[in-house]
């Protein structure tokens, strides 16, 4: 299996697992959806629905694969997504914390870009 295929599968599993954990017993009016664009390597998990007459819509997770690296563009969970990817076998050098400014990334244990 190619590295790109493996990374895509890891990201999809991460999103599906999180969605499954969140849906158990949660507000039935707020749906959690996985959105996978496998051709362009964009992966999202979003909330959509209503809670107490308030519209809920927005990203929970957004990950991309760019230049053979996984970019964590947004993490709205309390989970350490990068650590979860490492546990799945992704090298730290292949993970970019994209929501952090580039000048801060060099101080993390992950890739700069």
Protein backbone atom coordinates (compact mmCIF):
# COMPACT_ATOMS: atom_id res chain seq x y z
CA UNK A 1 0.00 0.00 0.00
CA UNK A 2 1.33 3.43 -0.89
CA UNK A 3 2.06 6.01 1.77
CA UNK A 4 -0.62 8.32 0.37
CA UNK A 5 -3.26 5.57 0.44
CA UNK A 6 -2.29 4.64 3.99
CA UNK A 7 -2.48 8.26 5.16
CA UNK A 8 -5.88 8.68 3.52
CA UNK A 9 -7.17 5.57 5.27
CA UNK A 10 -5.77 6.72 8.63
CA UNK A 11 -7.51 10.10 8.33
CA UNK A 12 -10.81 8.52 7.31
CA UNK A 13 -10.65 6.08 10.23
CA UNK A 14 -9.86 8.92 12.64
CA UNK A 15 -12.87 10.93 11.41
CA UNK A 16 -15.25 7.95 11.42
CA UNK A 17 -14.17 6.83 14.89
CA UNK A 18 -14.65 10.31 16.31
CA UNK A 19 -18.05 10.66 14.62
CA UNK A 20 -19.18 7.32 16.00
CA UNK A 21 -18.09 8.18 19.56
CA UNK A 22 -19.84 11.58 19.41
CA UNK A 23 -23.13 10.28 18.03
CA UNK A 24 -23.77 7.86 20.88
CA UNK A 25 -26.38 9.46 23.14
CA UNK A 26 -25.77 13.00 21.90
CA UNK A 27 -28.27 15.59 20.74
CA UNK A 28 -30.27 13.90 17.97
CA UNK A 29 -30.97 17.23 16.27
CA UNK A 30 -27.27 17.82 15.59
CA UNK A 31 -25.78 15.48 13.02
CA UNK A 32 -22.09 14.84 12.60
CA UNK A 33 -21.05 14.25 8.99
CA UNK A 34 -17.85 13.00 7.41
CA UNK A 35 -16.93 14.66 4.13
CA UNK A 36 -14.13 13.01 2.16
CA UNK A 37 -12.73 14.34 -1.12
CA UNK A 38 -10.32 11.50 -1.88
CA UNK A 39 -9.30 12.91 -5.27
CA UNK A 40 -8.12 16.24 -3.84
CA UNK A 41 -7.15 14.79 -0.42
CA UNK A 42 -9.46 16.94 1.74
CA UNK A 43 -11.18 15.40 4.75
CA UNK A 44 -13.67 17.05 7.11
CA UNK A 45 -15.92 16.25 9.98
CA UNK A 46 -18.72 18.78 10.51
CA UNK A 47 -21.66 19.43 12.83
CA UNK A 48 -24.96 20.37 11.24
CA UNK A 49 -28.41 20.80 12.76
CA UNK A 50 -30.27 22.69 15.47
CA UNK A 51 -29.82 23.02 19.21
CA UNK A 52 -32.24 25.09 21.33
CA UNK A 53 -33.47 27.00 18.28
CA UNK A 54 -29.88 27.88 17.32
CA UNK A 55 -28.37 26.77 14.01
CA UNK A 56 -25.31 24.57 14.41
CA UNK A 57 -22.98 24.30 11.44
CA UNK A 58 -19.24 24.15 11.36
CA UNK A 59 -16.08 22.11 11.11
CA UNK A 60 -14.95 19.82 13.88
CA UNK A 61 -11.92 18.43 12.03
CA UNK A 62 -10.28 19.38 8.75
CA UNK A 63 -7.27 17.48 7.46
CA UNK A 64 -5.55 17.60 4.08
CA UNK A 65 -2.78 15.61 2.46
CA UNK A 66 -0.36 17.97 0.72
CA UNK A 67 3.13 17.15 -0.56
CA UNK A 68 2.97 13.68 1.09
CA UNK A 69 2.25 15.17 4.53
CA UNK A 70 -0.90 15.24 6.62
CA UNK A 71 -1.91 18.82 7.39
CA UNK A 72 -4.17 19.26 10.41
CA UNK A 73 -5.95 22.42 9.26
CA UNK A 74 -8.45 22.54 12.12
CA UNK A 75 -9.02 20.55 15.30
CA UNK A 76 -12.14 21.56 17.18
CA UNK A 77 -12.04 18.49 19.42
CA UNK A 78 -10.37 17.87 22.74
CA UNK A 79 -8.47 14.98 21.13
CA UNK A 80 -4.78 15.14 20.26
CA UNK A 81 -5.31 14.31 16.59
CA UNK A 82 -1.58 14.37 15.78
CA UNK A 83 -0.90 11.86 18.55
CA UNK A 84 -3.72 9.63 17.28
CA UNK A 85 -2.14 9.67 13.80
CA UNK A 86 1.25 8.76 15.26
CA UNK A 87 -0.38 5.81 17.06
CA UNK A 88 -1.66 4.70 13.64
CA UNK A 89 1.89 4.65 12.29
CA UNK A 90 2.22 8.12 10.74
CA UNK A 91 5.69 9.62 11.17
CA UNK A 92 5.80 12.88 13.14
CA UNK A 93 7.85 14.33 10.26
CA UNK A 94 4.81 13.79 8.02
CA UNK A 95 2.35 15.71 10.21
CA UNK A 96 1.96 19.49 9.98
CA UNK A 97 -0.09 21.41 12.53
CA UNK A 98 -1.49 23.75 9.89
CA UNK A 99 -3.62 25.84 12.23
CA UNK A 100 -0.47 27.06 14.00
CA UNK A 101 1.53 29.92 12.48
CA UNK A 102 4.64 28.76 10.59
CA UNK A 103 6.99 30.50 13.02
CA UNK A 104 5.56 28.43 15.90
CA UNK A 105 5.60 25.09 14.05
CA UNK A 106 9.38 24.88 14.26
CA UNK A 107 9.07 24.55 18.05
CA UNK A 108 6.76 21.51 17.86
CA UNK A 109 7.78 17.92 17.47
CA UNK A 110 6.04 17.82 14.08
CA UNK A 111 6.88 19.00 10.56
CA UNK A 112 7.06 22.70 9.70
CA UNK A 113 5.45 22.38 6.29
